[in-house]
Amino acid sequence: MVDMIADKMKALVNNSSAIRAMFEEGKKLAKEYGAENVYDFSLGNPNVPAPPEVQAAMCEIVKEEDPVVLHGYMSNSGYEDVRQAVAESLNERFDTSFEKENIIMTVGAAGGLNVILKTLLNPQDEVVVIAPYFGEYNAYVSNYDGVVVVVSPDTRDFKPNLKELEEKLTKRTKAVIVNSPNNPTGVVYSEATIQKLADILRRKQQEFGTDIYLISDEPYRELVYDGVEVPYLTKYYENTIVGYSFSKSLSLPGERIGYLVIPKEAADAEEIQAAANVATRILGYVNAPSFMQKVVARCLEAKADVPYYNRNREALYHALTEMGFHCIKPEGAFYLFVKSPIEDEKKFCEAAKKYHILIVPGSSFSCPGYVRIAYCVSYETILNSLDSFRKLAEEFHTK
């Protein structure tokens, strides 16, 4: 029989996201044992409802806007008034000088990353990523025949291994992707780290006579704790492109709405902006969801419920460390990245299922030996899960 799917897709199907697979398994367990008896920490799906401004904006827009216009096509880059509102909000918050031309509305951060990688990459161009990292980056780069180059994790504090990063930059390097606050560790890259990274990239650009773009993937920017600040990277390195999503900040993951920032200081900025518009169309997005563009434009000052996530963070971090598990305390996002008590963290994840705990192996983030626990669940789920975590800890003699 002739194979019907592409060879490239066969590998992707066989290595389909462990996170999504765990999520589907969680739904099966919930049917079998009851949702209240299953502790699903697999998916970064916010349990916090959207801020009240979102529902208010939805109702107002439906009443006020011409439905033919509201649900129709617009420029591939998005509504001009929405892009201007985003630019002005960023300028006020970060002392930048963006205009609507610097903003392209996207189908979430993932859509934005695909647009900019489609725009930038030639076959065999290299994209450097810093482990642990969101595993879908591999597929996004592969979509455009690029090559992922992985900087190994520094498991002492999960800050970027800048020495290794510098060694792995080559004439083929087109981009470096950073994600801060980081999924899966919750680490926030400090201003000093960003300045060192920018210095390295400038030196290498000069050495190779090429442009290296820094792509900042920022869906968790608003979710930080203890007064930590997240540097805005366009202020430190000229060739920075920012990808943002409202999925986490406004609890809208299923709405698929975000934006790209392409500053005028970036090399070939106008050409990149024009190409990204075309990429948005030919990738099949056409434009970001029209209704949600209008909604987020009215909610740019709305705040995520960080105290809710912080309560979860404190409760789970302190409980697990008291049980003998080892983990750095996250500064942002809503994940704990916990060291597995055995070398094969996949076996540990399987063992956790016996206690109806669903967690994700670190190998999904190119960092084996660790597991990711998403604490964007209800506080009650965390409290109810602790007895099961204690049984798991006892099985593996964590103390």
Protein backbone atom coordinates (compact mmCIF):
# COMPACT_ATOMS: atom_id res chain seq x y z
CA MET A 1 0.00 0.00 0.00
CA VAL A 2 1.30 3.48 -0.89
CA ASP A 3 1.87 5.80 2.05
CA MET A 4 -0.50 8.74 1.87
CA ILE A 5 1.05 11.22 4.28
CA ALA A 6 4.29 13.10 3.80
CA ASP A 7 7.48 11.59 5.17
CA LYS A 8 8.11 14.77 7.14
CA MET A 9 4.71 14.40 8.80
CA LYS A 10 5.33 10.77 9.76
CA ALA A 11 8.11 11.81 12.12
CA LEU A 12 5.99 14.63 13.52
CA VAL A 13 3.05 12.30 14.15
CA ASN A 14 5.30 9.74 15.84
CA ASN A 15 6.81 12.44 18.05
CA SER A 16 3.59 14.33 18.63
CA SER A 17 3.59 16.67 21.60
CA ALA A 18 3.86 14.78 24.89
CA ILE A 19 2.03 17.71 26.48
CA ARG A 20 -1.01 17.30 24.27
CA ALA A 21 -0.91 13.52 24.66
CA MET A 22 -0.92 13.92 28.44
CA PHE A 23 -3.81 16.35 28.20
CA GLU A 24 -5.88 13.83 26.24
CA GLU A 25 -5.00 11.12 28.77
CA GLY A 26 -6.17 13.41 31.54
CA LYS A 27 -9.58 13.69 29.94
CA LYS A 28 -9.85 9.89 29.81
CA LEU A 29 -8.85 9.53 33.46
CA ALA A 30 -11.35 12.21 34.46
CA LYS A 31 -14.14 10.23 32.82
CA GLU A 32 -13.04 7.06 34.61
CA TYR A 33 -12.29 8.41 38.09
CA GLY A 34 -14.05 11.77 38.17
CA ALA A 35 -12.41 15.10 37.36
CA GLU A 36 -12.00 15.93 41.05
CA ASN A 37 -9.80 12.86 41.49
CA VAL A 38 -7.42 13.61 38.62
CA TYR A 39 -4.65 16.17 39.02
CA ASP A 40 -3.79 17.36 35.55
CA PHE A 41 -0.71 19.59 35.56
CA SER A 42 0.13 18.91 31.92
CA LEU A 43 -1.09 21.88 29.91
CA GLY A 44 -0.52 25.62 30.29
CA ASN A 45 -4.25 26.29 30.01
CA PRO A 46 -5.18 29.14 32.38
CA ASN A 47 -7.77 28.25 34.99
CA VAL A 48 -8.24 31.95 35.78
CA PRO A 49 -11.14 33.58 33.89
CA ALA A 50 -10.46 36.50 31.60
CA PRO A 51 -10.48 39.90 33.31
CA PRO A 52 -13.95 41.55 33.43
CA GLU A 53 -12.78 44.15 30.89
CA VAL A 54 -12.72 41.42 28.24
CA GLN A 55 -16.38 40.46 28.53
CA ALA A 56 -17.37 44.12 28.75
CA ALA A 57 -15.41 44.88 25.58
CA MET A 58 -17.01 41.96 23.75
CA CYS A 59 -20.51 43.16 24.59
CA GLU A 60 -19.77 46.79 23.71
CA ILE A 61 -18.14 45.92 20.38
CA VAL A 62 -21.01 43.71 19.24
CA LYS A 63 -23.45 46.54 19.97
CA GLU A 64 -21.38 49.37 18.53
CA GLU A 65 -19.62 47.98 15.46
CA ASP A 66 -21.05 47.37 12.00
CA PRO A 67 -21.18 43.55 11.88
CA VAL A 68 -20.23 43.44 8.19
CA VAL A 69 -17.07 45.43 8.93
CA LEU A 70 -16.38 43.72 12.25
CA HIS A 71 -16.38 40.22 10.80
CA GLY A 72 -14.83 41.09 7.45
CA TYR A 73 -11.33 41.12 6.02
CA MET A 74 -8.86 43.88 6.71
CA SER A 75 -5.18 44.44 5.96
CA ASN A 76 -3.12 41.29 6.51
CA SER A 77 -1.29 43.11 9.29
CA GLY A 78 -4.53 43.91 11.15
CA TYR A 79 -6.75 46.89 11.86
CA GLU A 80 -4.82 50.16 11.81
CA ASP A 81 -6.50 51.49 14.96
CA VAL A 82 -5.72 48.28 16.85
CA ARG A 83 -2.06 48.32 15.79
CA GLN A 84 -1.80 52.00 16.78
CA ALA A 85 -3.33 51.23 20.19
CA VAL A 86 -0.83 48.41 20.75
CA ALA A 87 2.08 50.65 19.72
CA GLU A 88 0.98 53.45 22.06
CA SER A 89 0.51 51.05 24.97
CA LEU A 90 4.02 49.64 24.50
CA ASN A 91 5.48 53.14 24.22
CA GLU A 92 3.86 54.19 27.47
CA ARG A 93 4.95 51.07 29.34
CA PHE A 94 8.49 50.63 28.01
CA ASP A 95 9.52 54.09 26.76
CA THR A 96 9.74 52.86 23.18
CA SER A 97 8.80 54.74 20.00
CA PHE A 98 6.74 52.28 17.98
CA GLU A 99 4.15 53.22 15.38
CA LYS A 100 1.38 51.12 13.88
CA GLU A 101 3.72 50.13 11.04
CA ASN A 102 5.88 48.29 13.59
CA ILE A 103 2.99 46.08 14.72
CA ILE A 104 1.53 43.05 12.93
CA MET A 105 -1.44 41.35 14.58
CA THR A 106 -1.02 37.57 14.59
CA VAL A 107 -2.84 34.33 15.28
CA GLY A 108 -1.32 34.00 18.74
CA ALA A 109 2.40 33.83 19.52
CA ALA A 110 2.72 30.56 17.60
CA GLY A 111 1.26 32.16 14.47
CA GLY A 112 3.60 35.10 14.93
CA LEU A 113 6.65 32.88 15.25
CA ASN A 114 5.71 31.02 12.09
CA VAL A 115 5.20 34.29 10.23
CA ILE A 116 8.58 35.70 11.20
CA LEU A 117 10.44 32.44 10.59
CA LYS A 118 8.78 32.13 7.17
CA THR A 119 9.90 35.70 6.53
CA LEU A 120 13.52 35.25 7.59
CA LEU A 121 14.65 31.69 6.87
CA ASN A 122 16.30 30.22 3.82
CA PRO A 123 16.83 26.43 3.74
CA GLN A 124 19.58 25.35 6.16
CA ASP A 125 19.64 28.68 7.97
CA GLU A 126 20.26 28.09 11.66
CA VAL A 127 18.07 29.13 14.57
CA VAL A 128 19.64 28.93 18.02
CA VAL A 129 17.43 27.94 20.96
CA ILE A 130 18.36 27.75 24.64
CA ALA A 131 17.37 24.58 26.51
CA PRO A 132 15.05 23.97 28.16
CA TYR A 133 12.73 25.43 25.54
CA PHE A 134 9.21 25.03 24.16
CA GLY A 135 9.49 21.94 21.99
CA GLU A 136 7.27 23.28 19.20
CA TYR A 137 10.15 25.57 18.17
CA ASN A 138 11.62 22.50 16.48
CA ALA A 139 8.58 22.12 14.25
CA TYR A 140 8.26 25.84 13.55
CA VAL A 141 11.86 26.03 12.30
CA SER A 142 11.53 22.78 10.36
CA ASN A 143 8.42 24.15 8.64
CA TYR A 144 10.74 26.44 6.65
CA ASP A 145 13.64 24.00 6.27
CA GLY A 146 15.74 25.72 8.90
CA VAL A 147 18.05 23.96 11.35
CA VAL A 148 17.63 24.15 15.13
CA VAL A 149 20.88 24.54 17.08
CA VAL A 150 20.43 23.79 20.78
CA VAL A 151 22.38 25.44 23.59
CA SER A 152 22.50 22.91 26.43
CA PRO A 153 20.83 23.78 29.74
CA ASP A 154 22.68 25.07 32.77
CA THR A 155 20.78 23.09 35.39
CA ARG A 156 22.28 25.04 38.30
CA ASP A 157 19.98 28.03 37.76
CA PHE A 158 18.62 27.59 34.20
CA LYS A 159 20.08 30.91 33.09
CA PRO A 160 21.35 30.92 29.47
CA ASN A 161 24.75 29.34 28.90
CA LEU A 162 26.10 32.36 27.04
CA LYS A 163 29.58 30.89 26.52
CA GLU A 164 28.14 27.91 24.67
CA LEU A 165 25.71 30.14 22.80
CA GLU A 166 28.57 32.25 21.46
CA GLU A 167 30.44 29.12 20.38
CA LYS A 168 27.42 27.86 18.45
CA LEU A 169 26.80 31.02 16.44
CA THR A 170 27.94 30.64 12.82
CA LYS A 171 27.65 32.40 9.49
CA ARG A 172 24.47 30.37 8.97
CA THR A 173 22.83 31.71 12.16
CA LYS A 174 19.79 33.74 11.15
CA ALA A 175 18.06 34.02 14.53
CA VAL A 176 18.24 33.29 18.24
CA ILE A 177 14.96 32.59 20.06
CA VAL A 178 14.65 33.55 23.72
CA ASN A 179 11.66 32.99 25.98
CA SER A 180 11.53 35.00 29.21
CA PRO A 181 9.72 34.38 31.53
CA ASN A 182 10.65 30.91 30.46
CA ASN A 183 8.51 27.88 29.73
CA PRO A 184 9.22 25.46 31.44
CA THR A 185 11.45 26.88 34.21
CA GLY A 186 9.84 30.20 35.11
CA VAL A 187 13.26 31.87 34.93
CA VAL A 188 13.37 35.56 33.95
CA TYR A 189 16.46 36.73 32.08
CA SER A 190 17.96 39.69 33.90
CA GLU A 191 19.01 42.98 32.33
CA ALA A 192 22.67 41.99 32.80
CA THR A 193 22.06 38.70 30.96
CA ILE A 194 20.30 40.49 28.09
CA GLN A 195 23.11 43.04 27.78
CA LYS A 196 25.72 40.27 27.60
CA LEU A 197 23.66 38.40 25.02
CA ALA A 198 23.27 41.57 22.93
CA ASP A 199 27.04 42.19 23.06
CA ILE A 200 27.72 38.65 21.85
CA LEU A 201 25.30 39.00 18.94
CA ARG A 202 26.79 42.34 17.88
CA ARG A 203 30.33 40.92 17.94
CA LYS A 204 29.29 37.92 15.87
CA GLN A 205 27.39 40.07 13.37
CA GLN A 206 30.53 42.10 12.86
CA GLU A 207 32.72 39.00 12.63
CA PHE A 208 30.50 37.25 10.09
CA GLY A 209 29.24 40.29 8.21
CA THR A 210 25.66 39.07 8.68
CA ASP A 211 22.51 40.09 10.54
CA ILE A 212 21.41 37.91 13.46
CA TYR A 213 17.86 38.51 14.68
CA LEU A 214 16.88 38.05 18.31
CA ILE A 215 13.31 36.73 18.46
CA SER A 216 11.77 37.30 21.88
CA ASP A 217 8.83 34.95 22.51
CA GLU A 218 6.83 36.66 25.28
CA PRO A 219 3.48 35.01 26.13
CA TYR A 220 4.30 35.11 29.86
CA ARG A 221 5.61 38.69 30.10
CA GLU A 222 2.84 39.83 32.48
CA LEU A 223 3.13 36.83 34.82
CA VAL A 224 5.98 37.67 37.20
CA TYR A 225 6.32 37.58 40.98
CA ASP A 226 8.12 39.30 43.85
CA GLY A 227 8.66 42.55 41.96
CA VAL A 228 10.75 40.96 39.20
CA GLU A 229 10.97 43.06 36.03
CA VAL A 230 11.23 41.67 32.50
CA PRO A 231 13.53 43.77 30.27
CA TYR A 232 12.03 44.88 26.95
CA LEU A 233 14.56 43.51 24.51
CA THR A 234 14.20 46.00 21.64
CA LYS A 235 15.90 48.53 23.93
CA TYR A 236 19.05 46.41 24.21
CA TYR A 237 19.57 44.98 20.73
CA GLU A 238 18.61 46.63 17.44
CA ASN A 239 17.78 43.43 15.54
CA THR A 240 15.12 42.30 18.02
CA ILE A 241 11.68 41.09 16.95
CA VAL A 242 9.07 40.52 19.66
CA GLY A 243 6.28 37.95 19.50
CA TYR A 244 3.49 38.42 22.03
CA SER A 245 0.28 36.59 22.88
CA PHE A 246 -2.74 37.52 25.00
CA SER A 247 -3.32 33.82 25.75
CA LYS A 248 -1.89 33.98 29.27
CA SER A 249 -2.19 37.65 30.22
CA LEU A 250 -5.91 37.77 29.40
CA SER A 251 -6.64 34.02 29.74
CA LEU A 252 -7.58 33.73 26.07
CA PRO A 253 -5.53 30.77 24.77
CA GLY A 254 -8.26 29.46 22.48
CA GLU A 255 -8.89 32.84 20.86
CA ARG A 256 -5.46 32.84 19.14
CA ILE A 257 -4.63 36.53 19.25
CA GLY A 258 -1.25 38.21 19.55
CA TYR A 259 1.17 40.45 17.65
CA LEU A 260 4.67 40.88 16.30
CA VAL A 261 6.80 43.95 16.93
CA ILE A 262 9.27 44.74 14.14
CA PRO A 263 11.13 47.89 15.22
CA LYS A 264 12.36 50.40 12.65
CA GLU A 265 15.88 49.94 14.08
CA ALA A 266 16.01 46.31 12.88
CA ALA A 267 18.06 45.68 9.74
CA ASP A 268 15.83 45.70 6.64
CA ALA A 269 12.84 46.54 8.85
CA GLU A 270 10.56 47.77 6.06
CA GLU A 271 11.32 44.74 3.91
CA ILE A 272 10.68 42.41 6.86
CA GLN A 273 7.38 44.14 7.64
CA ALA A 274 6.26 43.79 4.01
CA ALA A 275 7.33 40.13 3.85
CA ALA A 276 5.65 39.33 7.18
CA ASN A 277 2.39 40.70 5.80
CA VAL A 278 2.68 38.41 2.80
CA ALA A 279 3.67 35.48 5.06
CA THR A 280 0.54 36.06 7.14
CA ARG A 281 -1.56 35.65 4.02
CA ILE A 282 0.19 32.77 2.29
CA LEU A 283 0.47 30.69 5.47
CA GLY A 284 -3.32 30.69 5.43
CA TYR A 285 -3.95 32.94 8.41
CA VAL A 286 -4.95 35.84 6.09
CA ASN A 287 -5.28 38.06 9.15
CA ALA A 288 -5.60 37.73 12.92
CA PRO A 289 -9.17 37.14 14.20
CA SER A 290 -11.04 40.38 13.54
CA PHE A 291 -13.33 40.40 16.57
CA MET A 292 -10.54 39.58 19.02
CA GLN A 293 -8.32 42.31 17.58
CA LYS A 294 -10.98 44.84 18.57
CA VAL A 295 -11.42 43.22 21.99
CA VAL A 296 -7.76 43.22 23.02
CA ALA A 297 -7.35 46.80 21.81
CA ARG A 298 -9.79 47.84 24.55
CA CYS A 299 -8.11 45.64 27.17
CA LEU A 300 -4.45 46.61 26.84
CA GLU A 301 -4.39 47.92 30.40
CA ALA A 302 -6.25 44.94 31.89
CA LYS A 303 -4.25 42.92 34.40
CA ALA A 304 -3.77 39.19 34.73
CA ASP A 305 -4.68 37.73 38.13
CA VAL A 306 -1.07 37.32 39.20
CA PRO A 307 -1.95 36.92 42.92
CA TYR A 308 -4.01 33.83 42.02
CA TYR A 309 -1.05 32.23 40.27
CA ASN A 310 1.30 33.33 43.02
CA ARG A 311 -0.80 31.57 45.67
CA ASN A 312 -0.59 28.40 43.60
CA ARG A 313 3.16 28.86 43.10
CA GLU A 314 3.84 29.30 46.81
CA ALA A 315 1.63 26.41 47.88
CA LEU A 316 2.99 23.88 45.40
CA TYR A 317 6.63 24.94 45.57
CA HIS A 318 6.80 24.81 49.36
CA ALA A 319 4.84 21.55 49.58
CA LEU A 320 6.97 19.73 47.00
CA THR A 321 10.30 20.94 48.38
CA GLU A 322 9.24 19.89 51.87
CA MET A 323 8.54 16.43 50.44
CA GLY A 324 12.12 16.27 49.20
CA PHE A 325 11.66 17.25 45.56
CA HIS A 326 14.23 19.68 44.11
CA CYS A 327 13.23 22.73 42.10
CA ILE A 328 14.28 26.33 41.56
CA LYS A 329 11.55 28.77 42.56
CA PRO A 330 10.07 30.28 39.39
CA GLU A 331 10.19 34.06 38.95
CA GLY A 332 7.50 34.11 36.30
CA ALA A 333 5.10 32.09 34.09
CA PHE A 334 3.15 29.31 35.83
CA TYR A 335 5.36 26.22 35.82
CA LEU A 336 7.61 24.35 38.22
CA PHE A 337 10.52 22.49 36.63
CA VAL A 338 11.25 19.72 39.10
CA LYS A 339 14.23 17.37 39.10
CA SER A 340 13.14 13.76 38.65
CA PRO A 341 14.19 11.49 41.53
CA ILE A 342 15.27 8.92 38.93
CA GLU A 343 17.34 9.40 35.78
CA ASP A 344 14.56 8.41 33.39
CA GLU A 345 11.97 11.12 34.01
CA LYS A 346 9.54 9.46 31.60
CA LYS A 347 9.30 6.48 33.96
CA PHE A 348 8.72 8.91 36.79
CA CYS A 349 5.86 10.53 34.85
CA GLU A 350 4.37 7.08 34.26
CA ALA A 351 4.61 6.31 37.97
CA ALA A 352 2.85 9.57 38.78
CA LYS A 353 -0.16 8.44 36.76
CA LYS A 354 -0.80 5.70 39.33
CA TYR A 355 -1.70 8.52 41.70
CA HIS A 356 -3.68 10.33 38.98
CA ILE A 357 -0.99 13.00 38.64
CA LEU A 358 -0.25 14.15 35.10
CA ILE A 359 3.07 15.92 34.52
CA VAL A 360 5.26 16.38 31.44
CA PRO A 361 8.75 14.90 30.93
CA GLY A 362 11.62 17.36 30.60
CA SER A 363 12.84 15.66 27.44
CA SER A 364 9.92 17.41 25.71
CA PHE A 365 11.89 20.60 26.42
CA SER A 366 15.32 19.12 25.53
CA CYS A 367 16.15 18.78 29.21
CA PRO A 368 15.82 15.15 30.34
CA GLY A 369 15.92 14.35 34.03
CA TYR A 370 13.29 16.95 34.91
CA VAL A 371 9.50 17.24 34.79
CA ARG A 372 7.25 20.23 34.20
CA ILE A 373 4.28 20.89 36.47
CA ALA A 374 1.81 23.55 35.29
CA TYR A 375 0.22 25.26 38.29
CA CYS A 376 -2.32 27.27 36.28
CA VAL A 377 -5.01 25.06 37.82
CA SER A 378 -7.48 25.72 40.61
CA TYR A 379 -6.08 26.21 44.10
CA GLU A 380 -8.32 23.35 45.23
CA THR A 381 -6.68 21.03 42.70
CA ILE A 382 -3.29 21.83 44.18
CA LEU A 383 -4.46 21.24 47.75
CA ASN A 384 -6.25 18.02 46.82
CA SER A 385 -3.21 16.71 44.93
CA LEU A 386 -0.77 16.96 47.82
CA ASP A 387 -1.61 13.56 49.35
CA SER A 388 -0.97 11.95 45.98
CA PHE A 389 2.33 13.81 45.64
CA ARG A 390 3.31 12.56 49.12
CA LYS A 391 2.62 8.97 48.07
CA LEU A 392 4.70 9.54 44.95
CA ALA A 393 7.51 11.01 47.05
CA GLU A 394 7.40 8.02 49.40
CA GLU A 395 7.57 5.59 46.49
CA PHE A 396 10.77 7.24 45.26
CA HIS A 397 12.26 7.95 48.70
CA THR A 398 12.78 11.62 47.97
CA LYS A 399 13.74 12.35 51.57
